[in-house]
């Protein structure tokens, strides 16, 4: 499967909403649910508009992972960009039907190839749960190094988990 990443645009609203609705149950097994309001189109569209504004201000960059037929496979983002320190935080999610196919790793490589040309980005941080071995492998395969485990457990979907922190340097 050929995978590409494209910056999020206003025209992505309806297909992205459908992707989020379709994967809600799956996503909430790994990350906190976004709440019922997020899954009403008007509210979703308002939140999307806020993200696009944030992107236009250079505070974050949001991408969609797509296949050859432009189907949305997942999302990959750089958020909380700190221009002074050249730092951003990575986040991604893959639709349930597309897990285990190497899509996240390909998309992350594409993103990092793009960021390696950007002198303003000096390092990217990422976090994952201790139990999410697949995500840990994706990060290390793409040049992220483990930096530390946050010993303060967070409550996630009914259980306490530790977060592992990673970093990529440009």
N, C-alpha and C. Protein backbone atom coordinates (compact mmCIF):
# COMPACT_ATOMS: atom_id res chain seq x y z
N UNK A 1 0.85 -1.18 0.00
CA UNK A 1 0.00 0.00 0.00
C UNK A 1 0.89 1.24 0.00
N UNK A 2 0.57 2.15 -0.88
CA UNK A 2 1.30 3.41 -0.94
C UNK A 2 0.65 4.37 0.06
N UNK A 3 1.49 4.98 0.89
CA UNK A 3 1.01 5.90 1.93
C UNK A 3 1.62 7.27 1.67
N UNK A 4 0.80 8.29 1.82
CA UNK A 4 1.31 9.66 1.74
C UNK A 4 0.71 10.46 2.89
N UNK A 5 1.36 11.57 3.21
CA UNK A 5 0.80 12.46 4.22
C UNK A 5 0.47 13.79 3.55
N UNK A 6 -0.64 14.37 3.95
CA UNK A 6 -1.07 15.66 3.41
C UNK A 6 -1.50 16.55 4.55
N UNK A 7 -1.14 17.83 4.46
CA UNK A 7 -1.58 18.77 5.50
C UNK A 7 -3.10 18.85 5.54
N UNK A 8 -3.60 18.92 6.74
CA UNK A 8 -5.03 19.03 6.98
C UNK A 8 -5.57 20.32 6.36
N UNK A 9 -6.72 20.21 5.70
CA UNK A 9 -7.37 21.36 5.06
C UNK A 9 -8.85 21.38 5.45
N UNK A 10 -9.49 22.50 5.23
CA UNK A 10 -10.91 22.64 5.55
C UNK A 10 -11.75 21.63 4.77
N UNK A 11 -11.36 21.32 3.55
CA UNK A 11 -12.12 20.39 2.72
C UNK A 11 -12.07 18.95 3.25
N UNK A 12 -11.23 18.68 4.24
CA UNK A 12 -11.13 17.35 4.83
C UNK A 12 -12.17 17.10 5.92
N UNK A 13 -12.97 18.09 6.25
CA UNK A 13 -13.88 18.01 7.40
C UNK A 13 -14.78 16.78 7.36
N UNK A 14 -15.53 16.59 6.29
CA UNK A 14 -16.50 15.48 6.27
C UNK A 14 -15.82 14.11 6.30
N UNK A 15 -14.82 13.84 5.44
CA UNK A 15 -14.21 12.51 5.53
C UNK A 15 -13.47 12.27 6.84
N UNK A 16 -12.88 13.31 7.42
CA UNK A 16 -12.20 13.15 8.69
C UNK A 16 -13.21 12.88 9.81
N UNK A 17 -14.34 13.55 9.77
CA UNK A 17 -15.39 13.30 10.76
C UNK A 17 -15.83 11.84 10.67
N UNK A 18 -16.05 11.34 9.47
CA UNK A 18 -16.46 9.94 9.30
C UNK A 18 -15.39 8.99 9.84
N UNK A 19 -14.12 9.29 9.58
CA UNK A 19 -13.01 8.49 10.09
C UNK A 19 -13.03 8.45 11.62
N UNK A 20 -13.23 9.60 12.23
CA UNK A 20 -13.25 9.68 13.70
C UNK A 20 -14.44 8.92 14.28
N UNK A 21 -15.61 9.07 13.68
CA UNK A 21 -16.80 8.37 14.16
C UNK A 21 -16.60 6.86 14.03
N UNK A 22 -16.11 6.43 12.87
CA UNK A 22 -15.90 5.00 12.61
C UNK A 22 -14.92 4.38 13.60
N UNK A 23 -13.95 5.14 14.05
CA UNK A 23 -12.88 4.60 14.90
C UNK A 23 -13.01 4.97 16.37
N UNK A 24 -14.08 5.60 16.76
CA UNK A 24 -14.22 6.08 18.14
C UNK A 24 -14.00 4.97 19.17
N UNK A 25 -14.70 3.87 19.03
CA UNK A 25 -14.58 2.78 20.00
C UNK A 25 -13.16 2.25 20.06
N UNK A 26 -12.54 2.12 18.92
CA UNK A 26 -11.17 1.62 18.87
C UNK A 26 -10.21 2.60 19.54
N UNK A 27 -10.31 3.88 19.20
CA UNK A 27 -9.39 4.87 19.76
C UNK A 27 -9.51 4.96 21.27
N UNK A 28 -10.72 4.84 21.79
CA UNK A 28 -10.88 5.01 23.23
C UNK A 28 -10.30 3.84 24.03
N UNK A 29 -9.88 2.77 23.35
CA UNK A 29 -9.18 1.70 24.06
C UNK A 29 -7.74 2.08 24.36
N UNK A 30 -7.23 3.13 23.68
CA UNK A 30 -5.83 3.52 23.84
C UNK A 30 -5.62 4.91 24.40
N UNK A 31 -6.55 5.80 24.15
CA UNK A 31 -6.44 7.19 24.60
C UNK A 31 -7.78 7.63 25.17
N UNK A 32 -7.79 8.66 26.00
CA UNK A 32 -9.07 9.14 26.54
C UNK A 32 -10.03 9.52 25.42
N UNK A 33 -11.30 9.21 25.60
CA UNK A 33 -12.33 9.56 24.63
C UNK A 33 -12.45 11.08 24.54
N UNK A 34 -12.78 11.57 23.37
CA UNK A 34 -12.89 13.01 23.17
C UNK A 34 -14.24 13.57 23.60
N UNK A 35 -15.13 12.73 24.03
CA UNK A 35 -16.43 13.19 24.52
C UNK A 35 -17.47 13.20 23.42
N UNK A 36 -18.73 13.08 23.83
CA UNK A 36 -19.83 13.00 22.88
C UNK A 36 -19.92 14.22 21.97
N UNK A 37 -19.63 15.40 22.51
CA UNK A 37 -19.73 16.63 21.74
C UNK A 37 -18.87 16.57 20.47
N UNK A 38 -17.70 15.97 20.57
CA UNK A 38 -16.77 15.87 19.44
C UNK A 38 -17.39 15.11 18.27
N UNK A 39 -18.32 14.23 18.55
CA UNK A 39 -18.91 13.38 17.53
C UNK A 39 -20.24 13.91 16.99
N UNK A 40 -20.48 15.19 17.19
CA UNK A 40 -21.56 15.91 16.52
C UNK A 40 -20.89 16.81 15.50
N UNK A 41 -21.32 16.73 14.25
CA UNK A 41 -20.58 17.36 13.16
C UNK A 41 -20.31 18.84 13.38
N UNK A 42 -21.27 19.60 13.83
CA UNK A 42 -21.03 21.05 13.99
C UNK A 42 -19.94 21.31 15.02
N UNK A 43 -19.96 20.60 16.12
CA UNK A 43 -18.93 20.75 17.14
C UNK A 43 -17.57 20.30 16.59
N UNK A 44 -17.56 19.18 15.88
CA UNK A 44 -16.33 18.68 15.26
C UNK A 44 -15.76 19.74 14.31
N UNK A 45 -16.64 20.31 13.49
CA UNK A 45 -16.20 21.32 12.51
C UNK A 45 -15.62 22.54 13.21
N UNK A 46 -16.20 22.96 14.33
CA UNK A 46 -15.65 24.08 15.09
C UNK A 46 -14.26 23.76 15.61
N UNK A 47 -14.08 22.54 16.11
CA UNK A 47 -12.76 22.13 16.61
C UNK A 47 -11.76 22.04 15.46
N UNK A 48 -12.20 21.56 14.32
CA UNK A 48 -11.33 21.50 13.14
C UNK A 48 -10.90 22.90 12.72
N UNK A 49 -11.83 23.83 12.73
CA UNK A 49 -11.49 25.22 12.39
C UNK A 49 -10.45 25.78 13.35
N UNK A 50 -10.55 25.44 14.63
CA UNK A 50 -9.55 25.89 15.61
C UNK A 50 -8.18 25.29 15.29
N UNK A 51 -8.16 24.01 14.90
CA UNK A 51 -6.89 23.37 14.54
C UNK A 51 -6.28 24.03 13.31
N UNK A 52 -7.11 24.34 12.33
CA UNK A 52 -6.60 24.98 11.11
C UNK A 52 -6.06 26.38 11.40
N UNK A 53 -6.69 27.08 12.33
CA UNK A 53 -6.19 28.38 12.75
C UNK A 53 -4.83 28.22 13.42
N UNK A 54 -4.74 27.25 14.32
CA UNK A 54 -3.49 26.95 15.00
C UNK A 54 -2.39 26.61 13.99
N UNK A 55 -2.76 25.84 12.97
CA UNK A 55 -1.80 25.47 11.93
C UNK A 55 -1.36 26.71 11.14
N UNK A 56 -2.29 27.59 10.82
CA UNK A 56 -1.95 28.80 10.06
C UNK A 56 -1.05 29.74 10.86
N UNK A 57 -1.11 29.64 12.18
CA UNK A 57 -0.28 30.47 13.05
C UNK A 57 1.08 29.84 13.32
N UNK A 58 1.32 28.65 12.78
CA UNK A 58 2.60 27.97 12.96
C UNK A 58 2.79 27.33 14.32
N UNK A 59 1.70 27.12 15.05
CA UNK A 59 1.78 26.54 16.39
C UNK A 59 1.76 25.01 16.35
N UNK A 60 1.17 24.46 15.31
CA UNK A 60 1.05 23.02 15.14
C UNK A 60 0.93 22.73 13.65
N UNK A 61 1.17 21.48 13.29
CA UNK A 61 0.97 21.04 11.91
C UNK A 61 0.23 19.71 11.96
N UNK A 62 -0.85 19.63 11.23
CA UNK A 62 -1.71 18.45 11.24
C UNK A 62 -1.72 17.82 9.86
N UNK A 63 -1.51 16.52 9.83
CA UNK A 63 -1.48 15.78 8.57
C UNK A 63 -2.47 14.63 8.61
N UNK A 64 -2.95 14.27 7.43
CA UNK A 64 -3.72 13.05 7.26
C UNK A 64 -2.87 12.04 6.52
N UNK A 65 -2.94 10.79 6.94
CA UNK A 65 -2.30 9.70 6.21
C UNK A 65 -3.34 9.19 5.23
N UNK A 66 -2.94 9.05 3.97
CA UNK A 66 -3.88 8.61 2.94
C UNK A 66 -3.24 7.52 2.08
N UNK A 67 -4.11 6.72 1.46
CA UNK A 67 -3.63 5.72 0.51
C UNK A 67 -3.79 6.25 -0.91
N UNK A 68 -3.60 5.38 -1.90
CA UNK A 68 -3.66 5.79 -3.31
C UNK A 68 -5.02 6.35 -3.71
N UNK A 69 -6.07 5.87 -3.06
CA UNK A 69 -7.41 6.34 -3.41
C UNK A 69 -7.88 7.48 -2.51
N UNK A 70 -6.96 8.05 -1.77
CA UNK A 70 -7.21 9.19 -0.86
C UNK A 70 -8.03 8.82 0.37
N UNK A 71 -8.17 7.55 0.66
CA UNK A 71 -8.83 7.11 1.89
C UNK A 71 -7.98 7.54 3.08
N UNK A 72 -8.62 8.08 4.11
CA UNK A 72 -7.90 8.46 5.32
C UNK A 72 -7.58 7.20 6.11
N UNK A 73 -6.30 6.98 6.37
CA UNK A 73 -5.81 5.83 7.11
C UNK A 73 -5.52 6.18 8.57
N UNK A 74 -5.20 7.45 8.78
CA UNK A 74 -4.83 7.90 10.11
C UNK A 74 -4.47 9.37 10.10
N UNK A 75 -4.00 9.82 11.26
CA UNK A 75 -3.59 11.21 11.45
C UNK A 75 -2.20 11.21 12.07
N UNK A 76 -1.42 12.23 11.74
CA UNK A 76 -0.12 12.41 12.37
C UNK A 76 0.09 13.91 12.52
N UNK A 77 0.51 14.32 13.71
CA UNK A 77 0.55 15.75 14.03
C UNK A 77 1.83 16.12 14.76
N UNK A 78 2.22 17.36 14.57
CA UNK A 78 3.25 17.98 15.40
C UNK A 78 2.56 19.14 16.09
N UNK A 79 2.53 19.11 17.40
CA UNK A 79 1.80 20.13 18.16
C UNK A 79 2.72 20.83 19.15
N UNK A 80 2.20 21.91 19.70
CA UNK A 80 2.92 22.69 20.71
C UNK A 80 4.31 23.08 20.25
N UNK A 81 4.38 23.59 19.02
CA UNK A 81 5.67 23.99 18.47
C UNK A 81 6.23 25.16 19.27
N UNK A 82 7.45 24.99 19.74
CA UNK A 82 8.17 26.00 20.52
C UNK A 82 9.30 26.52 19.63
N UNK A 83 9.05 27.64 18.96
CA UNK A 83 10.01 28.17 18.00
C UNK A 83 11.33 28.55 18.66
N UNK A 84 11.28 29.00 19.90
CA UNK A 84 12.50 29.42 20.59
C UNK A 84 13.46 28.24 20.77
N UNK A 85 12.91 27.09 21.14
CA UNK A 85 13.74 25.90 21.38
C UNK A 85 13.74 24.93 20.21
N UNK A 86 12.95 25.19 19.17
CA UNK A 86 12.90 24.31 18.01
C UNK A 86 12.32 22.95 18.33
N UNK A 87 11.31 22.93 19.18
CA UNK A 87 10.77 21.68 19.71
C UNK A 87 9.28 21.55 19.36
N UNK A 88 8.85 20.32 19.11
CA UNK A 88 7.44 20.03 18.88
C UNK A 88 7.15 18.63 19.43
N UNK A 89 5.87 18.35 19.65
CA UNK A 89 5.48 17.03 20.16
C UNK A 89 4.70 16.28 19.08
N UNK A 90 5.05 15.02 18.91
CA UNK A 90 4.44 14.15 17.92
C UNK A 90 3.22 13.44 18.49
N UNK A 91 2.21 13.27 17.67
CA UNK A 91 1.06 12.44 18.00
C UNK A 91 0.56 11.79 16.73
N UNK A 92 0.05 10.58 16.83
CA UNK A 92 -0.54 9.93 15.66
C UNK A 92 -1.56 8.89 16.10
N UNK A 93 -2.45 8.58 15.19
CA UNK A 93 -3.44 7.53 15.40
C UNK A 93 -3.78 6.91 14.05
N UNK A 94 -3.93 5.60 14.04
CA UNK A 94 -4.22 4.85 12.84
C UNK A 94 -5.61 4.23 12.99
N UNK A 95 -6.40 4.26 11.92
CA UNK A 95 -7.71 3.63 11.96
C UNK A 95 -7.59 2.13 12.20
N UNK A 96 -8.57 1.58 12.88
CA UNK A 96 -8.51 0.18 13.29
C UNK A 96 -8.26 -0.77 12.13
N UNK A 97 -8.89 -0.53 10.98
CA UNK A 97 -8.72 -1.42 9.83
C UNK A 97 -7.32 -1.39 9.24
N UNK A 98 -6.52 -0.40 9.64
CA UNK A 98 -5.21 -0.21 9.00
C UNK A 98 -4.02 -0.50 9.92
N UNK A 99 -4.30 -0.96 11.12
CA UNK A 99 -3.20 -1.25 12.04
C UNK A 99 -2.45 -2.50 11.60
N UNK A 100 -1.19 -2.58 12.00
CA UNK A 100 -0.38 -3.76 11.72
C UNK A 100 0.09 -3.86 10.29
N UNK A 101 -0.02 -2.80 9.52
CA UNK A 101 0.38 -2.81 8.11
C UNK A 101 1.59 -1.92 7.83
N UNK A 102 2.19 -1.35 8.88
CA UNK A 102 3.36 -0.49 8.71
C UNK A 102 3.04 0.94 8.32
N UNK A 103 1.77 1.31 8.32
CA UNK A 103 1.35 2.64 7.87
C UNK A 103 1.90 3.74 8.77
N UNK A 104 1.81 3.55 10.08
CA UNK A 104 2.31 4.58 11.00
C UNK A 104 3.80 4.79 10.81
N UNK A 105 4.54 3.73 10.63
CA UNK A 105 5.99 3.84 10.45
C UNK A 105 6.33 4.58 9.15
N UNK A 106 5.60 4.26 8.08
CA UNK A 106 5.82 4.95 6.80
C UNK A 106 5.49 6.43 6.93
N UNK A 107 4.34 6.73 7.53
CA UNK A 107 3.93 8.13 7.68
C UNK A 107 4.91 8.90 8.55
N UNK A 108 5.39 8.27 9.62
CA UNK A 108 6.36 8.94 10.49
C UNK A 108 7.65 9.21 9.73
N UNK A 109 8.10 8.27 8.93
CA UNK A 109 9.30 8.49 8.12
C UNK A 109 9.11 9.66 7.17
N UNK A 110 7.96 9.73 6.52
CA UNK A 110 7.67 10.84 5.60
C UNK A 110 7.69 12.17 6.36
N UNK A 111 7.09 12.19 7.53
CA UNK A 111 7.06 13.41 8.34
C UNK A 111 8.47 13.82 8.75
N UNK A 112 9.26 12.87 9.21
CA UNK A 112 10.62 13.18 9.66
C UNK A 112 11.51 13.60 8.50
N UNK A 113 11.31 13.01 7.32
CA UNK A 113 12.06 13.44 6.13
C UNK A 113 11.77 14.92 5.84
N UNK A 114 10.49 15.29 5.98
CA UNK A 114 10.10 16.69 5.77
C UNK A 114 10.71 17.59 6.85
N UNK A 115 10.67 17.15 8.09
CA UNK A 115 11.18 17.96 9.19
C UNK A 115 12.71 18.07 9.16
N UNK A 116 13.39 17.07 8.61
CA UNK A 116 14.85 17.13 8.56
C UNK A 116 15.33 18.26 7.64
N UNK A 117 14.45 18.75 6.77
CA UNK A 117 14.77 19.88 5.89
C UNK A 117 14.43 21.22 6.54
N UNK A 118 13.79 21.17 7.69
CA UNK A 118 13.33 22.36 8.38
C UNK A 118 14.30 22.69 9.53
N UNK A 119 15.12 23.70 9.34
CA UNK A 119 16.11 24.06 10.34
C UNK A 119 15.49 24.58 11.64
N UNK A 120 14.22 24.95 11.60
CA UNK A 120 13.55 25.44 12.80
C UNK A 120 13.18 24.31 13.76
N UNK A 121 13.12 23.09 13.24
CA UNK A 121 12.77 21.93 14.08
C UNK A 121 14.06 21.24 14.49
N UNK A 122 14.39 21.36 15.77
CA UNK A 122 15.62 20.77 16.30
C UNK A 122 15.36 19.41 16.95
N UNK A 123 14.23 19.27 17.62
CA UNK A 123 13.87 17.97 18.17
C UNK A 123 12.36 17.84 18.33
N UNK A 124 11.95 16.58 18.25
CA UNK A 124 10.54 16.22 18.38
C UNK A 124 10.43 15.21 19.52
N UNK A 125 9.49 15.46 20.40
CA UNK A 125 9.26 14.54 21.50
C UNK A 125 8.00 13.71 21.22
N UNK A 126 7.93 12.57 21.87
CA UNK A 126 6.76 11.70 21.73
C UNK A 126 6.58 10.94 23.04
N UNK A 127 5.34 10.57 23.31
CA UNK A 127 5.02 9.76 24.49
C UNK A 127 4.13 8.61 24.06
N UNK A 128 4.28 7.51 24.76
CA UNK A 128 3.40 6.38 24.57
C UNK A 128 3.27 5.63 25.88
N UNK A 129 2.26 4.83 25.99
CA UNK A 129 2.11 4.06 27.21
C UNK A 129 3.09 2.90 27.23
N UNK A 130 3.40 2.46 28.42
CA UNK A 130 4.33 1.34 28.59
C UNK A 130 3.82 0.08 27.89
N UNK A 131 2.51 -0.06 27.80
CA UNK A 131 1.90 -1.24 27.18
C UNK A 131 1.85 -1.18 25.66
N UNK A 132 2.05 -0.01 25.07
CA UNK A 132 1.91 0.15 23.62
C UNK A 132 3.25 -0.16 22.93
N UNK A 133 3.57 -1.43 22.87
CA UNK A 133 4.84 -1.89 22.31
C UNK A 133 4.94 -1.54 20.83
N UNK A 134 3.83 -1.62 20.10
CA UNK A 134 3.85 -1.30 18.67
C UNK A 134 4.31 0.14 18.45
N UNK A 135 3.79 1.06 19.22
CA UNK A 135 4.18 2.46 19.08
C UNK A 135 5.64 2.66 19.47
N UNK A 136 6.09 1.97 20.50
CA UNK A 136 7.50 2.06 20.88
C UNK A 136 8.40 1.61 19.74
N UNK A 137 8.01 0.54 19.06
CA UNK A 137 8.80 0.03 17.92
C UNK A 137 8.80 1.01 16.76
N UNK A 138 7.65 1.62 16.49
CA UNK A 138 7.56 2.60 15.41
C UNK A 138 8.49 3.77 15.68
N UNK A 139 8.48 4.25 16.91
CA UNK A 139 9.33 5.39 17.27
C UNK A 139 10.82 5.04 17.12
N UNK A 140 11.24 3.93 17.70
CA UNK A 140 12.67 3.58 17.65
C UNK A 140 13.11 3.25 16.23
N UNK A 141 12.25 2.62 15.46
CA UNK A 141 12.57 2.31 14.06
C UNK A 141 12.84 3.58 13.26
N UNK A 142 12.20 4.67 13.66
CA UNK A 142 12.34 5.93 12.94
C UNK A 142 13.31 6.91 13.60
N UNK A 143 14.18 6.41 14.46
CA UNK A 143 15.25 7.24 14.99
C UNK A 143 14.97 7.95 16.29
N UNK A 144 13.84 7.68 16.91
CA UNK A 144 13.57 8.25 18.23
C UNK A 144 14.34 7.43 19.27
N UNK A 145 14.80 8.12 20.29
CA UNK A 145 15.47 7.42 21.39
C UNK A 145 14.64 7.58 22.66
N UNK A 146 14.61 6.52 23.41
CA UNK A 146 13.91 6.53 24.69
C UNK A 146 14.66 7.48 25.62
N UNK A 147 13.94 8.36 26.31
CA UNK A 147 14.60 9.29 27.23
C UNK A 147 14.28 8.97 28.69
N UNK A 148 13.02 8.67 29.01
CA UNK A 148 12.69 8.33 30.39
C UNK A 148 11.26 7.83 30.50
N UNK A 149 10.97 7.21 31.63
CA UNK A 149 9.61 6.79 31.98
C UNK A 149 9.09 7.71 33.06
N UNK A 150 7.94 8.26 32.82
CA UNK A 150 7.29 9.11 33.81
C UNK A 150 6.72 8.20 34.90
N UNK A 151 7.27 8.31 36.09
CA UNK A 151 6.84 7.44 37.18
C UNK A 151 5.50 7.83 37.79
N UNK A 152 5.04 9.02 37.46
CA UNK A 152 3.70 9.44 37.89
C UNK A 152 2.70 8.81 36.93
N UNK A 153 2.01 7.81 37.41
CA UNK A 153 1.06 7.11 36.55
C UNK A 153 -0.12 8.02 36.22
N UNK A 154 -0.63 7.83 35.03
CA UNK A 154 -1.83 8.55 34.61
C UNK A 154 -2.97 7.54 34.54
N UNK A 155 -4.16 8.02 34.78
CA UNK A 155 -5.34 7.16 34.74
C UNK A 155 -5.87 7.19 33.32
N UNK A 156 -5.85 6.04 32.65
CA UNK A 156 -6.26 5.97 31.26
C UNK A 156 -7.19 4.78 31.06
N UNK A 157 -8.41 5.07 30.71
CA UNK A 157 -9.40 4.03 30.42
C UNK A 157 -9.52 2.99 31.51
N UNK A 158 -9.61 3.47 32.73
CA UNK A 158 -9.87 2.58 33.85
C UNK A 158 -8.66 1.95 34.50
N UNK A 159 -7.47 2.29 34.06
CA UNK A 159 -6.29 1.73 34.72
C UNK A 159 -5.17 2.76 34.74
N UNK A 160 -4.26 2.56 35.67
CA UNK A 160 -3.11 3.45 35.79
C UNK A 160 -2.00 2.95 34.87
N UNK A 161 -1.39 3.87 34.13
CA UNK A 161 -0.32 3.51 33.20
C UNK A 161 0.83 4.50 33.34
N UNK A 162 2.01 4.03 32.99
CA UNK A 162 3.18 4.91 32.91
C UNK A 162 3.36 5.34 31.47
N UNK A 163 3.87 6.55 31.29
CA UNK A 163 4.17 7.04 29.95
C UNK A 163 5.67 6.98 29.71
N UNK A 164 6.04 6.45 28.56
CA UNK A 164 7.44 6.43 28.13
C UNK A 164 7.65 7.63 27.23
N UNK A 165 8.76 8.31 27.42
CA UNK A 165 9.07 9.51 26.64
C UNK A 165 10.22 9.21 25.68
N UNK A 166 10.08 9.76 24.47
CA UNK A 166 11.07 9.57 23.40
C UNK A 166 11.42 10.92 22.79
N UNK A 167 12.56 10.95 22.09
CA UNK A 167 12.98 12.18 21.44
C UNK A 167 13.71 11.87 20.13
N UNK A 168 13.46 12.70 19.14
CA UNK A 168 14.15 12.64 17.85
C UNK A 168 14.89 13.96 17.68
N UNK A 169 16.14 13.89 17.25
CA UNK A 169 16.92 15.11 17.02
C UNK A 169 17.21 15.28 15.56
N UNK A 170 17.06 16.51 15.09
CA UNK A 170 17.31 16.85 13.71
C UNK A 170 18.77 17.24 13.54
